[in-house]
Amino acid sequence: MVTSPTGAVIRDILHRLADRFPRRVLVWPVRVQGETSAAEVARAIEGFNALPEGGPIPRPDLIIVARGGGSLEDLWSFNEEIVVRAAAASLIPLISAVGHETDITLIDFAADRRAPTPTAAAELAVPVRSDLIAELMSKARRALACWQRGIEQRRKELSMLARTLPALNELLSQPRQRLDACADRLPRALIANAQIHHRQLTHVAARLSPRLLKLRLARSSEIVVAAAKRGKLARDNYLARRWDRVRNADQLLKAFSYQGVLKRGFALVRDGEGRPLRAAAGVSSGMRLDIEFADGRVGAVADGEAKEPKPQAAARAKPRPRGGEGPGGQGSLFGS
């Protein structure tokens, strides 16, 4: 409450709260008239809003700004802008209870609720505890009665369903008869099953005589030997075909090798770096040459530049030798 601690207003509010619903009350004492009254009321509203949650002083759930009746001049503090702004900015719900029912101030319009009198503000702040207890007791009785009716209804439904179920003996009579019948047939079924297996075993044993086993083993050995012979013959044929391919490849390699050409009297000329020389134009005076014959190599030095062939020799064309032979009947390694 924001009010004067010495007036009758606080006693009326506390008495009404004690009658309806006793609660803890925090009082912020202020002057309710005079020059400093407006500032004190505004600071009180702001101070209650500034209290932290869970602090040593509990933050109130509701603020009541109260004053008794008086003249317009006595109530003028509650028309001041600072008070109206503080009431409008309050985050805690605020009830304005200033003056009598006919008195109207500006704080009444900024507050969350307006009470015509301080006693009415106390009635708006809390309900009647006895009424709440009575209402709770009534709802508890109604809830218990509803639960009891539901249980009774479920009990009746369960009884009706139980009467529709067959008796225990009726449920077990047919399975019991089937069990007795199976028990009577079981010895005969076991004997018949044993006889069937005995006949099957006898039939199989007749096919497993030593003579038959020897014949089957001999036949299996013949099959294995024949398969081994076929496998060996197939392996020999495969190896023969492979050796033929290797010999053919060796003959082709020898036919395409330049060493075979060297054996026929030709020579391979290379420069000093080992590259083959294919024309006389690639030879210069003083150039080191490497001449390979069939039986070895000979080093040489070129003594002059390449010369053009004589016109007469060029005009008198001869038939081209067969087998890639060069001038003078000597074969050419590289051909024309």
Protein backbone atom coordinates (compact mmCIF):
# COMPACT_ATOMS: atom_id res chain seq x y z
CA MET A 1 0.00 0.00 0.00
CA VAL A 2 1.08 3.56 -0.74
CA THR A 3 -0.67 5.74 1.86
CA SER A 4 -0.20 7.64 5.06
CA PRO A 5 0.74 5.40 8.00
CA THR A 6 -1.21 7.52 10.51
CA GLY A 7 -4.61 7.91 8.83
CA ALA A 8 -7.74 5.84 9.16
CA VAL A 9 -7.37 4.55 5.59
CA ILE A 10 -4.66 2.00 6.41
CA ARG A 11 -6.65 0.68 9.39
CA ASP A 12 -9.79 0.26 7.26
CA ILE A 13 -7.86 -1.60 4.54
CA LEU A 14 -6.02 -3.88 6.99
CA HIS A 15 -9.24 -4.65 8.84
CA ARG A 16 -11.05 -5.52 5.61
CA LEU A 17 -8.16 -7.69 4.42
CA ALA A 18 -8.12 -9.57 7.75
CA ASP A 19 -11.85 -10.25 7.43
CA ARG A 20 -11.74 -11.47 3.82
CA PHE A 21 -8.31 -13.06 3.20
CA PRO A 22 -5.39 -12.27 5.52
CA ARG A 23 -2.30 -11.50 3.51
CA ARG A 24 1.12 -9.95 4.14
CA VAL A 25 0.97 -6.19 3.52
CA LEU A 26 3.91 -3.89 2.74
CA VAL A 27 3.29 -0.22 3.50
CA TRP A 28 5.29 2.57 1.85
CA PRO A 29 4.54 5.62 4.04
CA VAL A 30 3.99 8.87 2.11
CA ARG A 31 2.34 12.26 2.61
CA VAL A 32 -1.01 12.25 0.90
CA GLN A 33 -1.25 16.04 0.61
CA GLY A 34 1.13 18.97 0.51
CA GLU A 35 3.95 20.12 -1.76
CA THR A 36 6.10 16.93 -1.48
CA SER A 37 3.18 14.53 -1.61
CA ALA A 38 3.22 13.94 -5.40
CA ALA A 39 6.94 13.21 -5.50
CA GLU A 40 6.70 10.80 -2.57
CA VAL A 41 3.77 8.89 -4.11
CA ALA A 42 5.59 8.61 -7.47
CA ARG A 43 8.79 7.38 -5.75
CA ALA A 44 6.80 4.82 -3.77
CA ILE A 45 5.22 3.37 -6.94
CA GLU A 46 8.60 3.26 -8.67
CA GLY A 47 10.24 1.76 -5.56
CA PHE A 48 7.79 -1.16 -5.40
CA ASN A 49 8.40 -1.86 -9.10
CA ALA A 50 12.17 -1.79 -8.54
CA LEU A 51 12.11 -4.59 -5.92
CA PRO A 52 13.82 -7.73 -7.37
CA GLU A 53 12.17 -11.12 -7.59
CA GLY A 54 13.27 -13.31 -4.68
CA GLY A 55 14.97 -10.43 -2.85
CA PRO A 56 15.02 -9.88 0.92
CA ILE A 57 11.88 -7.73 0.58
CA PRO A 58 9.28 -9.65 -1.47
CA ARG A 59 8.05 -7.98 -4.65
CA PRO A 60 4.32 -7.25 -4.19
CA ASP A 61 1.65 -8.75 -6.44
CA LEU A 62 -0.57 -5.64 -6.21
CA ILE A 63 -0.22 -1.95 -5.32
CA ILE A 64 -3.03 0.08 -3.69
CA VAL A 65 -2.65 3.88 -3.70
CA ALA A 66 -5.17 5.05 -1.07
CA ARG A 67 -6.30 8.28 0.58
CA GLY A 68 -9.40 9.37 2.40
CA GLY A 69 -11.83 11.97 1.20
CA GLY A 70 -11.13 15.70 1.10
CA SER A 71 -11.42 18.87 -0.92
CA LEU A 72 -10.11 19.25 -4.45
CA GLU A 73 -7.04 21.02 -3.11
CA ASP A 74 -6.35 18.17 -0.64
CA LEU A 75 -6.52 15.59 -3.44
CA TRP A 76 -4.55 17.66 -5.95
CA SER A 77 -1.32 15.65 -5.45
CA PHE A 78 -2.97 12.74 -7.29
CA ASN A 79 -3.59 14.99 -10.31
CA GLU A 80 0.11 15.76 -10.74
CA GLU A 81 1.81 14.54 -13.93
CA ILE A 82 4.61 12.78 -12.06
CA VAL A 83 2.09 10.61 -10.17
CA VAL A 84 0.03 9.83 -13.28
CA ARG A 85 3.13 8.83 -15.26
CA ALA A 86 4.41 6.61 -12.44
CA ALA A 87 1.02 4.83 -12.22
CA ALA A 88 0.89 4.33 -15.99
CA ALA A 89 4.46 2.94 -16.08
CA SER A 90 3.92 0.49 -13.20
CA LEU A 91 4.45 -3.14 -14.18
CA ILE A 92 2.67 -4.26 -10.99
CA PRO A 93 -1.14 -4.03 -11.17
CA LEU A 94 -2.29 -0.86 -9.40
CA ILE A 95 -5.63 0.03 -7.75
CA SER A 96 -6.46 3.69 -7.21
CA ALA A 97 -8.54 4.35 -4.06
CA VAL A 98 -8.35 8.14 -3.62
CA GLY A 99 -11.18 10.00 -1.92
CA HIS A 100 -14.82 9.01 -1.76
CA GLU A 101 -16.97 7.62 -4.54
CA THR A 102 -17.72 11.06 -5.96
CA ASP A 103 -14.07 12.16 -5.98
CA ILE A 104 -12.24 11.71 -9.30
CA THR A 105 -8.51 12.30 -9.85
CA LEU A 106 -6.22 11.72 -12.84
CA ILE A 107 -4.54 8.70 -11.20
CA ASP A 108 -7.90 6.91 -11.50
CA PHE A 109 -7.52 6.93 -15.31
CA ALA A 110 -3.88 5.70 -15.27
CA ALA A 111 -4.48 2.89 -12.74
CA ASP A 112 -5.51 -0.64 -13.71
CA ARG A 113 -8.63 -0.46 -11.51
CA ARG A 114 -10.42 2.37 -9.65
CA ALA A 115 -12.02 1.70 -6.28
CA PRO A 116 -14.66 4.15 -4.99
CA THR A 117 -13.28 3.87 -1.43
CA PRO A 118 -10.21 2.38 0.28
CA THR A 119 -12.42 -0.37 1.76
CA ALA A 120 -13.65 -1.24 -1.73
CA ALA A 121 -10.01 -1.41 -2.87
CA ALA A 122 -9.35 -4.08 -0.22
CA GLU A 123 -12.37 -6.03 -1.47
CA LEU A 124 -11.08 -5.81 -5.05
CA ALA A 125 -7.60 -6.93 -3.97
CA VAL A 126 -8.51 -10.25 -2.30
CA PRO A 127 -11.46 -12.66 -2.44
CA VAL A 128 -13.34 -13.99 0.59
CA ARG A 129 -11.32 -16.90 1.93
CA SER A 130 -14.32 -18.68 3.44
CA ASP A 131 -16.13 -18.51 0.09
CA LEU A 132 -13.09 -19.98 -1.66
CA ILE A 133 -12.85 -22.81 0.88
CA ALA A 134 -16.56 -23.54 0.52
CA GLU A 135 -16.30 -23.54 -3.27
CA LEU A 136 -13.29 -25.86 -3.17
CA MET A 137 -15.08 -28.22 -0.78
CA SER A 138 -18.11 -28.24 -3.05
CA LYS A 139 -16.00 -29.03 -6.12
CA ALA A 140 -14.14 -31.74 -4.20
CA ARG A 141 -17.45 -33.35 -3.17
CA ARG A 142 -18.71 -33.16 -6.74
CA ALA A 143 -15.47 -34.68 -8.08
CA LEU A 144 -15.67 -37.54 -5.54
CA ALA A 145 -19.30 -38.21 -6.38
CA CYS A 146 -18.50 -38.21 -10.11
CA TRP A 147 -15.64 -40.64 -9.54
CA GLN A 148 -17.86 -42.93 -7.44
CA ARG A 149 -20.57 -42.92 -10.12
CA GLY A 150 -17.97 -43.80 -12.75
CA ILE A 151 -16.65 -46.69 -10.64
CA GLU A 152 -20.16 -47.99 -10.06
CA GLN A 153 -20.94 -47.81 -13.75
CA ARG A 154 -17.75 -49.73 -14.60
CA ARG A 155 -18.65 -52.34 -11.96
CA LYS A 156 -22.08 -52.87 -13.50
CA GLU A 157 -20.59 -53.19 -16.98
CA LEU A 158 -18.02 -55.70 -15.72
CA SER A 159 -20.77 -57.76 -14.06
CA MET A 160 -22.80 -57.81 -17.29
CA LEU A 161 -19.76 -58.92 -19.29
CA ALA A 162 -18.90 -61.61 -16.73
CA ARG A 163 -22.40 -63.10 -17.06
CA THR A 164 -21.95 -63.44 -20.84
CA LEU A 165 -18.72 -65.45 -20.48
CA PRO A 166 -19.00 -69.27 -20.42
CA ALA A 167 -18.10 -71.23 -17.32
CA LEU A 168 -14.57 -72.44 -16.73
CA ASN A 169 -15.51 -76.11 -17.14
CA GLU A 170 -17.18 -75.34 -20.47
CA LEU A 171 -14.09 -73.53 -21.69
CA LEU A 172 -11.82 -76.48 -20.80
CA SER A 173 -14.10 -79.37 -21.74
CA GLN A 174 -13.30 -79.47 -25.46
CA PRO A 175 -9.51 -79.05 -25.06
CA ARG A 176 -9.63 -81.78 -22.38
CA GLN A 177 -11.44 -84.15 -24.76
CA ARG A 178 -8.91 -83.48 -27.52
CA LEU A 179 -6.07 -84.14 -25.08
CA ASP A 180 -7.59 -87.48 -24.03
CA ALA A 181 -8.07 -88.54 -27.65
CA CYS A 182 -4.48 -87.65 -28.53
CA ALA A 183 -3.22 -89.56 -25.48
CA ASP A 184 -5.12 -92.65 -26.65
CA ARG A 185 -3.72 -92.44 -30.20
CA LEU A 186 -0.14 -91.65 -29.18
CA PRO A 187 1.09 -95.26 -28.44
CA ARG A 188 -0.30 -96.59 -31.73
CA ALA A 189 1.18 -93.64 -33.63
CA LEU A 190 4.61 -94.23 -32.10
CA ILE A 191 4.56 -97.92 -33.06
CA ALA A 192 3.44 -97.13 -36.62
CA ASN A 193 6.12 -94.47 -36.97
CA ALA A 194 8.81 -96.87 -35.74
CA GLN A 195 7.69 -99.52 -38.25
CA ILE A 196 7.83 -97.03 -41.13
CA HIS A 197 11.37 -96.02 -40.21
CA HIS A 198 12.38 -99.66 -39.85
CA ARG A 199 11.19 -100.47 -43.38
CA GLN A 200 13.03 -97.47 -44.76
CA LEU A 201 16.22 -98.49 -42.94
CA THR A 202 15.92 -102.07 -44.25
CA HIS A 203 15.48 -100.82 -47.80
CA VAL A 204 18.56 -98.60 -47.52
CA ALA A 205 20.61 -101.37 -45.88
CA ALA A 206 19.89 -103.69 -48.81
CA ARG A 207 21.49 -101.16 -51.13
CA LEU A 208 24.59 -100.86 -48.93
CA SER A 209 25.96 -104.46 -49.24
CA PRO A 210 29.80 -104.92 -49.52
CA ARG A 211 29.54 -106.16 -53.11
CA LEU A 212 27.59 -103.09 -54.21
CA LEU A 213 29.98 -100.80 -52.37
CA LYS A 214 33.00 -102.44 -54.11
CA LEU A 215 31.34 -102.02 -57.50
CA ARG A 216 30.60 -98.39 -56.82
CA LEU A 217 34.15 -97.77 -55.62
CA ALA A 218 35.59 -99.47 -58.74
CA ARG A 219 33.33 -97.46 -60.99
CA SER A 220 34.27 -94.25 -59.19
CA SER A 221 38.00 -95.13 -59.58
CA GLU A 222 37.55 -95.68 -63.31
CA ILE A 223 35.79 -92.36 -63.64
CA VAL A 224 38.59 -90.59 -61.72
CA VAL A 225 41.32 -92.23 -63.88
CA ALA A 226 39.50 -91.33 -67.10
CA ALA A 227 39.06 -87.78 -65.90
CA ALA A 228 42.78 -87.59 -65.02
CA LYS A 229 43.76 -88.87 -68.46
CA ARG A 230 41.49 -86.36 -70.15
CA GLY A 231 42.93 -83.62 -68.02
CA LYS A 232 46.51 -84.60 -68.82
CA LEU A 233 45.75 -84.79 -72.56
CA ALA A 234 44.08 -81.39 -72.47
CA ARG A 235 47.07 -79.94 -70.58
CA ASP A 236 49.56 -81.43 -73.14
CA ASN A 237 47.53 -80.01 -76.04
CA TYR A 238 47.38 -76.62 -74.38
CA LEU A 239 51.15 -76.56 -73.73
CA ALA A 240 51.86 -77.68 -77.32
CA ARG A 241 49.76 -74.82 -78.70
CA ARG A 242 51.57 -72.38 -76.45
CA TRP A 243 55.01 -73.65 -77.53
CA ASP A 244 53.96 -73.29 -81.19
CA ARG A 245 52.98 -69.70 -80.57
CA VAL A 246 56.29 -69.01 -78.81
CA ARG A 247 58.29 -70.50 -81.70
CA ASN A 248 56.29 -68.48 -84.26
CA ALA A 249 56.88 -65.33 -82.28
CA ASP A 250 60.63 -66.09 -82.09
CA GLN A 251 60.80 -66.58 -85.85
CA LEU A 252 58.96 -63.29 -86.45
CA LEU A 253 61.29 -61.51 -84.04
CA LYS A 254 64.31 -62.83 -85.85
CA ALA A 255 62.83 -61.94 -89.26
CA PHE A 256 62.12 -58.33 -88.24
CA SER A 257 65.41 -57.86 -86.33
CA TYR A 258 68.02 -55.67 -88.01
CA GLN A 259 70.74 -58.07 -86.88
CA GLY A 260 69.54 -60.52 -89.52
CA VAL A 261 70.06 -57.82 -92.12
CA LEU A 262 73.60 -57.21 -90.80
CA LYS A 263 74.39 -60.91 -91.24
CA ARG A 264 73.57 -60.55 -94.94
CA GLY A 265 76.46 -58.05 -95.36
CA PHE A 266 74.88 -54.73 -94.46
CA ALA A 267 76.11 -52.22 -91.89
CA LEU A 268 74.33 -49.81 -89.52
CA VAL A 269 75.86 -46.31 -89.23
CA ARG A 270 75.25 -44.24 -86.10
CA ASP A 271 76.47 -40.79 -85.06
CA GLY A 272 78.52 -40.11 -81.98
CA GLU A 273 75.41 -40.16 -79.73
CA GLY A 274 74.20 -43.51 -81.01
CA ARG A 275 71.41 -42.27 -83.28
CA PRO A 276 71.07 -44.08 -86.66
CA LEU A 277 71.96 -42.03 -89.77
CA ARG A 278 69.49 -42.50 -92.60
CA ALA A 279 71.01 -40.17 -95.25
CA ALA A 280 74.42 -38.79 -96.27
CA ALA A 281 73.10 -35.27 -95.78
CA GLY A 282 73.17 -35.84 -92.06
CA VAL A 283 76.96 -36.44 -92.04
CA SER A 284 79.36 -33.48 -91.69
CA SER A 285 83.17 -33.33 -92.03
CA GLY A 286 85.00 -34.53 -88.95
CA MET A 287 81.86 -36.16 -87.51
CA ARG A 288 82.51 -39.23 -85.42
CA LEU A 289 80.72 -42.31 -86.71
CA ASP A 290 79.92 -45.70 -85.21
CA ILE A 291 79.56 -48.47 -87.84
CA GLU A 292 78.00 -51.73 -86.65
CA PHE A 293 78.60 -54.97 -88.61
CA ALA A 294 77.28 -58.39 -87.89
CA ASP A 295 80.46 -59.39 -86.06
CA GLY A 296 81.20 -56.10 -84.20
CA ARG A 297 81.51 -52.32 -84.30
CA VAL A 298 84.09 -49.96 -85.86
CA GLY A 299 84.62 -46.27 -85.06
CA ALA A 300 85.24 -43.83 -87.94
CA VAL A 301 85.56 -40.11 -88.76
CA ALA A 302 83.89 -38.53 -91.82
CA ASP A 303 86.47 -36.94 -94.18
CA GLY A 304 84.21 -34.56 -96.15
CA GLU A 305 80.74 -33.28 -96.91
CA ALA A 306 78.17 -35.34 -98.77
CA LYS A 307 78.50 -35.09 -102.58
CA GLU A 308 75.74 -34.89 -105.17
CA PRO A 309 75.60 -37.85 -107.60
CA LYS A 310 76.92 -37.23 -111.16
CA PRO A 311 74.30 -36.23 -113.79
CA GLN A 312 75.28 -39.07 -116.10
CA ALA A 313 74.79 -41.61 -113.42
CA ALA A 314 71.47 -39.99 -112.46
CA ALA A 315 70.24 -40.01 -116.12
CA ARG A 316 71.23 -43.65 -116.61
CA ALA A 317 68.68 -45.19 -114.35
CA LYS A 318 69.04 -48.81 -113.55
CA PRO A 319 66.38 -51.19 -112.48
CA ARG A 320 65.80 -51.04 -108.79
CA PRO A 321 67.53 -53.97 -107.10
CA ARG A 322 65.32 -56.47 -105.32
CA GLY A 323 65.46 -56.97 -101.65
CA GLY A 324 66.39 -53.31 -100.92
CA GLU A 325 69.96 -53.52 -102.36
CA GLY A 326 71.92 -50.26 -102.50
CA PRO A 327 74.56 -49.04 -104.97
CA GLY A 328 77.20 -51.52 -105.89
CA GLY A 329 74.90 -54.47 -105.10
CA GLN A 330 75.10 -53.91 -101.36
CA GLY A 331 71.80 -54.10 -99.52
CA SER A 332 70.33 -51.00 -97.77
CA LEU A 333 69.20 -51.33 -94.21
CA PHE A 334 66.62 -48.54 -94.44
CA GLY A 335 65.46 -48.95 -98.05
CA SER A 336 64.66 -45.91 -100.28
